Amino acid sequence: MFIGGIIPGPREPSAEQNDHFVGPIIDQFKRAWSPGISVSHTSYSQERSVTTESAILLSVNDLPAARKLAGLQGHGSTNFICTACNLKGKSMIVNTDYSRWSRRNVDSMRNASYAWRRANTLAEQKRIFDEHGVRWSSLWELAYWDPTRMLVVDSMHCILEGIVHYHCRHVLRLNNAASKLSTDGFKYAYDWPWEAYHPDLVPTGFEIPEQHITRISKIQEALCLALEGEKSLKLSGVWNRLDRNGTVASLHFVAFTLDLVPGQLDVWPEISSLYVERAQSKSKKPVTFPAGKDATTKHHFIALLLNWHLDRELISNTRILPTGTPETLQYVQRVITNTKTPSWINSVPKNYGEASAGTIKADEWRTLSTIYLPIALVTLWGDDDGCAPPDDDSDQGMLFKALENSMALFQAT
């Protein structure tokens, strides 16, 4: 193993700072590729010197590190969301028609990267980055560098801690999120896959001061609190939390991650009334909800977020496929407890799905998705007293389709 360097702490360097650590390593690889490195002999040529050529074939990272290292926009960007293809905009994240995924032009990316480095002003660099999704990275000094083919998100983060984790927790809902309570005793309505804030990957215009980044998780937590039933919080109570914990910038970022329209026309009447009540208390002029106008104020962003929350609450109360029932989770836990496996198979928490189980690690996700969950879900949803489940839209039929979908993922794992 060759350790090119260790970046000192205590904080992770920014994208621009990071390249100062990468540059010296790239300089070594430039020489190692051309003219190459001459060695006195190798195991195959004991009596004569040999010139070797070394190259970086793949750069393997987690998703944020891959974008930072290569000088590319983050996956939450409003422009380029992929390092390999030309899909643009967050709405394209769910585009699975791969026949229409055209590969990005590497020469254009290289030219934009060099243009960013030559730019004389920060404004010009910002324009290039916003338009092309590329900033300077020393990797472009390698003549063969092609991030569309050579920049890889490792399987641990991409598949196990990414897709498998998301599928089990947010699609199948195999956790006890519905029974969790906030620190002050209020119930959560749902568990939402919130997007984290990465300072170097956030799109231009959504930056947040470092001291306010912690506010984002508090806003996200408030937007998951139940509005109906026992241990719920009134709409005005959630408003108060957002008002207390949020700033314009942090509320704006959360609204962006939810892909909310800044100039939304329609909101729930109770949201509009609450907006007028709160805004009027700080204004001597008559106030109406600014429908159709881009949100710029704290109250306007809170109204948009609460409107999303109310929509989501109503959806969660409609018919949802019963994949994540307490009975299902208990059955999975029994399978984990009672299944005998070889000693070389790493164990997983027997209380999987509960908060006390802690964070599930990549190797545990592999074991769950290749051993325990297939056994549990096949015996639970794939067998109807010895017969195949019905092929219809009944709960049994839909659970069987969920099983087929899950098994396709587990087999790929």
Protein backbone atom coordinates (compact mmCIF):
# COMPACT_ATOMS: atom_id res chain seq x y z
CA MET A 1 0.00 0.00 0.00
CA PHE A 2 1.26 3.47 -0.92
CA ILE A 3 0.13 6.23 1.46
CA GLY A 4 0.44 9.41 -0.53
CA GLY A 5 -0.43 11.65 2.38
CA ILE A 6 -2.60 12.16 5.42
CA ILE A 7 -4.67 15.34 5.65
CA PRO A 8 -4.40 16.89 9.12
CA GLY A 9 -7.51 17.85 11.10
CA PRO A 10 -9.38 18.94 12.96
CA ARG A 11 -11.76 19.80 10.10
CA GLU A 12 -12.15 18.44 6.60
CA PRO A 13 -10.63 20.82 4.02
CA SER A 14 -12.84 22.61 1.52
CA ALA A 15 -12.90 21.54 -2.12
CA GLU A 16 -10.33 24.19 -3.07
CA GLN A 17 -8.11 23.40 -0.07
CA ASN A 18 -8.35 19.67 -0.74
CA ASP A 19 -6.68 20.01 -4.12
CA HIS A 20 -3.51 21.35 -2.49
CA PHE A 21 -3.13 17.95 -0.80
CA VAL A 22 -3.97 16.03 -3.98
CA GLY A 23 -1.65 18.00 -6.27
CA PRO A 24 1.70 16.57 -5.04
CA ILE A 25 0.38 13.02 -5.40
CA ILE A 26 -0.78 13.72 -8.96
CA ASP A 27 2.68 15.13 -9.75
CA GLN A 28 4.17 11.76 -8.85
CA PHE A 29 1.66 9.90 -11.00
CA LYS A 30 2.34 12.22 -13.96
CA ARG A 31 6.01 11.24 -13.87
CA ALA A 32 5.10 7.59 -13.26
CA TRP A 33 3.05 7.56 -16.48
CA SER A 34 5.29 9.63 -18.72
CA PRO A 35 8.23 9.18 -19.02
CA GLY A 36 7.73 6.37 -16.51
CA ILE A 37 9.95 5.12 -13.72
CA SER A 38 13.13 3.19 -14.44
CA VAL A 39 13.96 0.34 -12.08
CA SER A 40 17.16 -1.68 -12.06
CA HIS A 41 15.34 -4.99 -12.46
CA THR A 42 12.09 -6.82 -11.77
CA SER A 43 11.26 -10.41 -10.91
CA TYR A 44 10.87 -11.06 -14.64
CA SER A 45 13.98 -9.18 -15.79
CA GLN A 46 16.70 -9.90 -13.32
CA GLU A 47 19.63 -8.69 -15.44
CA ARG A 48 18.40 -5.49 -17.14
CA SER A 49 16.68 -2.28 -16.16
CA VAL A 50 13.02 -1.75 -17.00
CA THR A 51 10.90 1.36 -17.44
CA THR A 52 7.53 0.98 -15.74
CA GLU A 53 4.37 2.97 -16.34
CA SER A 54 1.90 3.55 -13.50
CA ALA A 55 -1.55 5.11 -13.74
CA ILE A 56 -4.64 5.76 -11.66
CA LEU A 57 -7.19 3.42 -13.19
CA LEU A 58 -9.98 4.07 -10.70
CA SER A 59 -10.61 6.58 -7.94
CA VAL A 60 -12.82 4.90 -5.34
CA ASN A 61 -14.58 7.07 -2.75
CA ASP A 62 -17.88 7.65 -1.04
CA LEU A 63 -20.25 9.97 -2.91
CA PRO A 64 -19.37 13.35 -1.32
CA ALA A 65 -15.63 12.63 -1.47
CA ALA A 66 -15.84 11.60 -5.13
CA ARG A 67 -17.43 14.92 -6.10
CA LYS A 68 -14.97 16.93 -4.01
CA LEU A 69 -11.88 15.10 -5.28
CA ALA A 70 -12.89 15.43 -8.93
CA GLY A 71 -14.08 19.04 -8.60
CA LEU A 72 -17.66 18.23 -9.62
CA GLN A 73 -21.02 19.49 -8.41
CA GLY A 74 -22.78 17.54 -5.66
CA HIS A 75 -25.58 15.04 -6.22
CA GLY A 76 -28.08 17.57 -4.82
CA SER A 77 -27.16 20.10 -7.48
CA THR A 78 -29.80 21.93 -9.49
CA ASN A 79 -27.67 21.31 -12.59
CA PHE A 80 -25.51 18.20 -13.14
CA ILE A 81 -26.49 15.46 -10.69
CA CYS A 82 -24.32 12.72 -12.18
CA THR A 83 -20.60 12.47 -12.90
CA ALA A 84 -21.11 10.14 -15.86
CA CYS A 85 -24.21 11.29 -17.75
CA ASN A 86 -25.97 14.50 -18.75
CA LEU A 87 -29.00 14.18 -16.48
CA LYS A 88 -29.76 17.58 -14.99
CA GLY A 89 -31.92 18.70 -12.08
CA LYS A 90 -33.03 16.90 -8.94
CA SER A 91 -36.21 15.69 -10.63
CA MET A 92 -34.06 13.48 -12.87
CA ILE A 93 -32.79 11.46 -9.90
CA VAL A 94 -35.76 9.10 -10.39
CA ASN A 95 -35.21 8.78 -14.16
CA THR A 96 -34.51 5.07 -14.67
CA ASP A 97 -34.73 5.09 -18.48
CA TYR A 98 -31.03 4.37 -18.94
CA SER A 99 -31.40 4.22 -22.74
CA ARG A 100 -31.67 8.02 -22.62
CA TRP A 101 -28.65 8.58 -20.38
CA SER A 102 -26.06 10.21 -22.64
CA ARG A 103 -22.46 10.27 -21.44
CA ARG A 104 -20.94 13.63 -20.51
CA ASN A 105 -18.34 15.04 -22.90
CA VAL A 106 -14.98 14.63 -21.18
CA ASP A 107 -13.22 17.19 -23.39
CA SER A 108 -15.82 19.81 -22.47
CA MET A 109 -15.41 18.97 -18.78
CA ARG A 110 -11.61 19.27 -19.08
CA ASN A 111 -11.86 22.62 -20.88
CA ALA A 112 -14.26 23.97 -18.25
CA SER A 113 -11.94 22.84 -15.47
CA TYR A 114 -8.96 24.66 -16.99
CA ALA A 115 -11.15 27.72 -17.65
CA TRP A 116 -12.11 27.72 -13.97
CA ARG A 117 -8.42 27.69 -12.99
CA ARG A 118 -7.59 30.54 -15.41
CA ALA A 119 -10.53 32.71 -14.29
CA ASN A 120 -9.46 36.06 -12.86
CA THR A 121 -12.39 36.57 -10.50
CA LEU A 122 -14.47 34.52 -8.08
CA ALA A 123 -17.57 35.59 -10.01
CA GLU A 124 -16.17 34.08 -13.20
CA GLN A 125 -15.29 30.84 -11.38
CA LYS A 126 -18.81 30.71 -9.96
CA ARG A 127 -20.33 31.18 -13.43
CA ILE A 128 -18.25 28.35 -14.88
CA PHE A 129 -19.04 26.02 -11.99
CA ASP A 130 -22.78 26.76 -12.18
CA GLU A 131 -22.88 26.36 -15.95
CA HIS A 132 -20.64 23.33 -16.44
CA GLY A 133 -20.68 21.69 -13.00
CA VAL A 134 -16.87 21.51 -12.94
CA ARG A 135 -14.14 23.30 -10.97
CA TRP A 136 -10.40 22.69 -11.09
CA SER A 137 -8.99 19.38 -9.89
CA SER A 138 -5.37 18.29 -10.24
CA LEU A 139 -6.65 14.99 -11.62
CA TRP A 140 -7.19 16.79 -14.93
CA GLU A 141 -3.41 17.05 -15.28
CA LEU A 142 -3.44 13.31 -15.99
CA ALA A 143 -3.86 13.05 -19.77
CA TYR A 144 -5.92 9.88 -19.43
CA TRP A 145 -8.26 11.05 -16.64
CA ASP A 146 -11.93 10.43 -17.45
CA PRO A 147 -14.26 10.85 -14.45
CA THR A 148 -17.22 9.46 -16.40
CA ARG A 149 -15.48 6.06 -16.39
CA MET A 150 -12.86 6.21 -13.65
CA LEU A 151 -14.60 7.92 -10.72
CA VAL A 152 -16.27 5.19 -8.65
CA VAL A 153 -18.53 5.28 -5.61
CA ASP A 154 -17.49 2.24 -3.57
CA SER A 155 -19.95 -0.62 -3.08
CA MET A 156 -20.00 -0.28 0.69
CA HIS A 157 -21.37 3.26 0.59
CA CYS A 158 -23.30 3.00 -2.68
CA ILE A 159 -25.02 -0.39 -2.32
CA LEU A 160 -24.94 -1.54 1.30
CA GLU A 161 -25.11 1.72 3.25
CA GLY A 162 -26.90 3.46 0.37
CA ILE A 163 -29.43 1.51 -1.69
CA VAL A 164 -30.00 -1.44 0.67
CA HIS A 165 -30.26 0.85 3.71
CA TYR A 166 -32.71 3.15 1.89
CA HIS A 167 -34.82 0.25 0.61
CA CYS A 168 -35.14 -1.45 3.98
CA ARG A 169 -35.67 1.68 6.04
CA HIS A 170 -37.66 3.98 3.75
CA VAL A 171 -39.32 1.69 1.17
CA LEU A 172 -40.12 -1.39 3.26
CA ARG A 173 -40.13 0.74 6.45
CA LEU A 174 -38.62 -2.08 8.51
CA ASN A 175 -38.02 0.00 11.62
CA ASN A 176 -39.97 1.26 14.58
CA ALA A 177 -39.87 4.92 13.52
CA ALA A 178 -43.63 5.23 14.01
CA SER A 179 -43.25 4.47 17.71
CA LYS A 180 -40.35 6.86 18.33
CA LEU A 181 -40.86 9.99 20.39
CA SER A 182 -39.02 13.29 20.30
CA THR A 183 -36.94 14.30 23.30
CA ASP A 184 -39.92 16.23 24.65
CA GLY A 185 -42.39 13.38 24.16
CA PHE A 186 -44.06 14.04 20.79
CA LYS A 187 -44.73 11.31 18.23
CA TYR A 188 -43.24 11.22 14.74
CA ALA A 189 -45.60 10.76 11.79
CA TYR A 190 -43.00 9.27 9.43
CA ASP A 191 -39.30 8.80 8.80
CA TRP A 192 -38.06 10.89 5.89
CA PRO A 193 -34.74 10.34 4.01
CA TRP A 194 -33.39 13.83 4.59
CA GLU A 195 -30.52 15.19 2.54
CA ALA A 196 -27.47 16.16 4.59
CA TYR A 197 -25.68 19.48 4.20
CA HIS A 198 -22.21 19.27 2.65
CA PRO A 199 -20.57 22.74 2.53
CA ASP A 200 -18.49 21.95 -0.55
CA LEU A 201 -21.29 20.30 -2.51
CA VAL A 202 -24.19 22.63 -1.81
CA PRO A 203 -25.33 24.60 -4.90
CA THR A 204 -24.57 28.29 -5.16
CA GLY A 205 -27.11 30.38 -3.29
CA PHE A 206 -27.83 27.77 -0.62
CA GLU A 207 -24.73 28.21 1.55
CA ILE A 208 -25.22 28.36 5.32
CA PRO A 209 -22.86 29.83 7.94
CA GLU A 210 -21.04 27.06 9.81
CA GLN A 211 -22.61 27.99 13.15
CA HIS A 212 -26.11 27.51 11.69
CA ILE A 213 -25.62 24.08 10.06
CA THR A 214 -26.90 22.29 13.19
CA ARG A 215 -30.22 24.08 12.74
CA ILE A 216 -30.95 21.99 9.65
CA SER A 217 -31.46 18.74 11.59
CA LYS A 218 -33.77 20.54 14.03
CA ILE A 219 -35.91 21.81 11.16
CA GLN A 220 -36.01 18.34 9.59
CA GLU A 221 -36.98 16.76 12.91
CA ALA A 222 -39.84 19.23 13.40
CA LEU A 223 -41.19 18.43 9.93
CA CYS A 224 -41.60 14.76 10.90
CA LEU A 225 -43.69 15.36 14.04
CA ALA A 226 -47.25 14.05 14.00
CA LEU A 227 -50.05 16.60 13.62
CA GLU A 228 -52.87 14.24 14.59
CA GLY A 229 -53.54 11.60 17.24
CA GLU A 230 -51.97 11.02 20.62
CA LYS A 231 -48.74 12.80 21.50
CA SER A 232 -49.09 15.02 18.42
CA LEU A 233 -48.25 18.68 18.03
CA LYS A 234 -50.58 21.34 16.66
CA LEU A 235 -49.73 23.06 13.40
CA SER A 236 -49.00 26.26 15.31
CA GLY A 237 -46.63 24.32 17.56
CA VAL A 238 -44.61 23.06 14.59
CA TRP A 239 -44.56 26.63 13.23
CA ASN A 240 -43.13 27.81 16.54
CA ARG A 241 -40.35 25.20 16.36
CA LEU A 242 -39.42 26.13 12.82
CA ASP A 243 -39.46 29.81 13.74
CA ARG A 244 -37.32 29.19 16.83
CA ASN A 245 -34.79 26.83 15.26
CA GLY A 246 -34.59 28.07 11.69
CA THR A 247 -32.91 30.92 9.88
CA VAL A 248 -33.81 32.11 6.40
CA ALA A 249 -30.77 30.30 4.96
CA SER A 250 -31.36 26.98 6.78
CA LEU A 251 -35.10 26.99 5.97
CA HIS A 252 -34.26 27.81 2.35
CA PHE A 253 -31.86 24.86 2.15
CA VAL A 254 -34.40 22.38 3.56
CA ALA A 255 -37.04 23.69 1.12
CA PHE A 256 -34.53 23.19 -1.70
CA THR A 257 -33.82 19.58 -0.69
CA LEU A 258 -37.57 18.89 -0.81
CA ASP A 259 -37.72 20.43 -4.31
CA LEU A 260 -40.39 22.91 -3.20
CA VAL A 261 -41.44 25.62 -5.65
CA PRO A 262 -40.36 29.00 -4.16
CA GLY A 263 -43.32 30.78 -5.78
CA GLN A 264 -45.95 28.17 -4.94
CA LEU A 265 -49.50 29.32 -5.73
CA ASP A 266 -51.65 27.03 -3.59
CA VAL A 267 -51.25 26.26 0.09
CA TRP A 268 -53.67 24.86 2.62
CA PRO A 269 -56.09 27.49 4.02
CA GLU A 270 -54.90 26.82 7.57
CA ILE A 271 -51.31 27.45 6.46
CA SER A 272 -52.29 30.70 4.77
CA SER A 273 -54.22 31.83 7.87
CA LEU A 274 -51.32 30.97 10.14
CA TYR A 275 -48.93 32.89 7.88
CA VAL A 276 -51.16 35.98 7.96
CA GLU A 277 -51.50 35.74 11.76
CA ARG A 278 -47.74 35.50 12.34
CA ALA A 279 -46.71 38.05 9.71
CA GLN A 280 -49.40 40.53 10.77
CA SER A 281 -48.05 40.58 14.32
CA LYS A 282 -44.85 42.14 12.97
CA SER A 283 -46.39 44.50 10.42
CA LYS A 284 -48.63 47.55 10.65
CA LYS A 285 -49.87 47.05 7.07
CA PRO A 286 -52.51 44.48 6.01
CA VAL A 287 -50.89 41.12 5.20
CA THR A 288 -51.93 38.42 2.73
CA PHE A 289 -50.18 35.20 1.77
CA PRO A 290 -47.75 36.01 -1.11
CA ALA A 291 -49.03 33.32 -3.48
CA GLY A 292 -46.99 33.07 -6.66
CA LYS A 293 -44.11 35.14 -5.31
CA ASP A 294 -40.69 33.66 -4.63
CA ALA A 295 -40.06 33.02 -0.95
CA THR A 296 -37.49 35.36 0.58
CA THR A 297 -38.69 35.74 4.18
CA LYS A 298 -38.56 33.40 7.13
CA HIS A 299 -42.36 33.20 7.49
CA HIS A 300 -42.80 32.42 3.79
CA PHE A 301 -40.32 29.53 3.91
CA ILE A 302 -41.96 28.20 7.08
CA ALA A 303 -45.35 28.28 5.35
CA LEU A 304 -44.02 26.33 2.35
CA LEU A 305 -42.39 23.72 4.59
CA LEU A 306 -45.51 23.35 6.74
CA ASN A 307 -47.62 22.96 3.61
CA TRP A 308 -45.34 20.11 2.52
CA HIS A 309 -45.60 18.61 6.00
CA LEU A 310 -49.39 18.73 5.92
CA ASP A 311 -49.45 17.12 2.47
CA ARG A 312 -47.11 14.41 3.67
CA GLU A 313 -49.16 13.80 6.82
CA LEU A 314 -52.31 13.27 4.74
CA ILE A 315 -50.48 10.87 2.42
CA SER A 316 -49.17 8.89 5.38
CA ASN A 317 -52.75 8.48 6.62
CA THR A 318 -54.00 7.00 3.32
CA ARG A 319 -53.63 3.37 2.29
CA ILE A 320 -50.00 2.36 2.64
CA LEU A 321 -48.75 -1.13 1.85
CA PRO A 322 -48.35 -2.85 5.24
CA THR A 323 -44.68 -3.77 4.85
CA GLY A 324 -43.43 -2.10 8.01
CA THR A 325 -45.92 -3.29 10.61
CA PRO A 326 -44.74 -4.09 14.15
CA GLU A 327 -45.65 -7.74 13.48
CA THR A 328 -43.38 -7.83 10.41
CA LEU A 329 -40.47 -6.33 12.32
CA GLN A 330 -40.97 -8.78 15.19
CA TYR A 331 -40.99 -11.67 12.70
CA VAL A 332 -37.71 -10.46 11.16
CA GLN A 333 -36.20 -10.26 14.64
CA ARG A 334 -37.31 -13.84 15.39
CA VAL A 335 -35.72 -15.05 12.16
CA ILE A 336 -32.45 -13.34 13.14
CA THR A 337 -32.59 -14.91 16.61
CA ASN A 338 -33.54 -18.45 15.54
CA THR A 339 -31.56 -18.90 12.31
CA LYS A 340 -28.35 -20.87 12.75
CA THR A 341 -25.49 -19.67 10.58
CA PRO A 342 -21.83 -20.75 10.14
CA SER A 343 -19.39 -19.25 12.62
CA TRP A 344 -17.72 -17.20 9.90
CA ILE A 345 -20.93 -15.25 9.26
CA ASN A 346 -20.83 -12.01 11.22
CA SER A 347 -23.76 -11.43 13.55
CA VAL A 348 -26.36 -8.68 13.26
CA PRO A 349 -28.34 -7.03 16.08
CA LYS A 350 -31.18 -9.29 17.19
CA ASN A 351 -33.22 -6.16 17.89
CA TYR A 352 -32.78 -4.91 14.30
CA GLY A 353 -35.10 -2.02 13.50
CA GLU A 354 -35.09 -0.56 16.99
CA ALA A 355 -33.20 2.55 18.08
CA SER A 356 -31.27 0.51 20.65
CA ALA A 357 -29.76 -1.57 17.82
CA GLY A 358 -27.57 1.39 16.91
CA THR A 359 -26.33 2.17 13.43
CA ILE A 360 -26.27 -0.84 11.12
CA LYS A 361 -22.84 -1.22 9.51
CA ALA A 362 -22.13 -2.17 5.91
CA ASP A 363 -21.21 -5.79 6.68
CA GLU A 364 -24.38 -6.14 8.75
CA TRP A 365 -26.47 -4.83 5.84
CA ARG A 366 -24.82 -7.46 3.64
CA THR A 367 -25.72 -10.24 6.06
CA LEU A 368 -29.25 -8.93 6.52
CA SER A 369 -29.92 -8.57 2.80
CA THR A 370 -28.41 -11.89 1.74
CA ILE A 371 -29.50 -14.17 4.61
CA TYR A 372 -32.02 -12.99 7.17
CA LEU A 373 -34.33 -10.71 5.18
CA PRO A 374 -34.75 -13.14 2.25
CA ILE A 375 -35.69 -15.92 4.70
CA ALA A 376 -38.07 -13.67 6.63
CA LEU A 377 -39.77 -11.95 3.70
CA VAL A 378 -40.11 -15.06 1.50
CA THR A 379 -41.75 -17.04 4.31
CA LEU A 380 -43.88 -14.04 5.28
CA TRP A 381 -45.01 -12.61 1.93
CA GLY A 382 -44.20 -15.33 -0.60
CA ASP A 383 -46.24 -18.17 0.85
CA ASP A 384 -50.01 -18.27 1.35
CA ASP A 385 -50.60 -21.56 3.18
CA GLY A 386 -48.59 -23.48 0.60
CA CYS A 387 -49.94 -21.54 -2.38
CA ALA A 388 -48.56 -18.60 -4.31
CA PRO A 389 -50.03 -15.23 -3.25
CA PRO A 390 -52.73 -13.75 -5.52
CA ASP A 391 -51.63 -11.70 -8.52
CA ASP A 392 -53.83 -8.67 -7.84
CA ASP A 393 -53.91 -5.37 -5.98
CA SER A 394 -54.90 -6.86 -2.66
CA ASP A 395 -52.51 -6.44 0.27
CA GLN A 396 -51.23 -9.99 -0.24
CA GLY A 397 -50.73 -9.44 -3.96
CA MET A 398 -48.94 -6.13 -3.45
CA LEU A 399 -46.74 -7.58 -0.70
CA PHE A 400 -45.68 -10.31 -3.10
CA LYS A 401 -44.70 -7.66 -5.66
CA ALA A 402 -42.75 -5.86 -2.94
CA LEU A 403 -41.02 -9.18 -2.22
CA GLU A 404 -40.05 -9.64 -5.88
CA ASN A 405 -38.69 -6.10 -6.01
CA SER A 406 -36.72 -6.61 -2.80
CA MET A 407 -35.29 -9.93 -3.93
CA ALA A 408 -34.05 -8.36 -7.17
CA LEU A 409 -32.03 -5.91 -5.06
CA PHE A 410 -30.83 -8.55 -2.60
CA GLN A 411 -29.66 -10.80 -5.45
CA ALA A 412 -27.69 -7.89 -6.92
CA THR A 413 -26.05 -7.36 -3.54
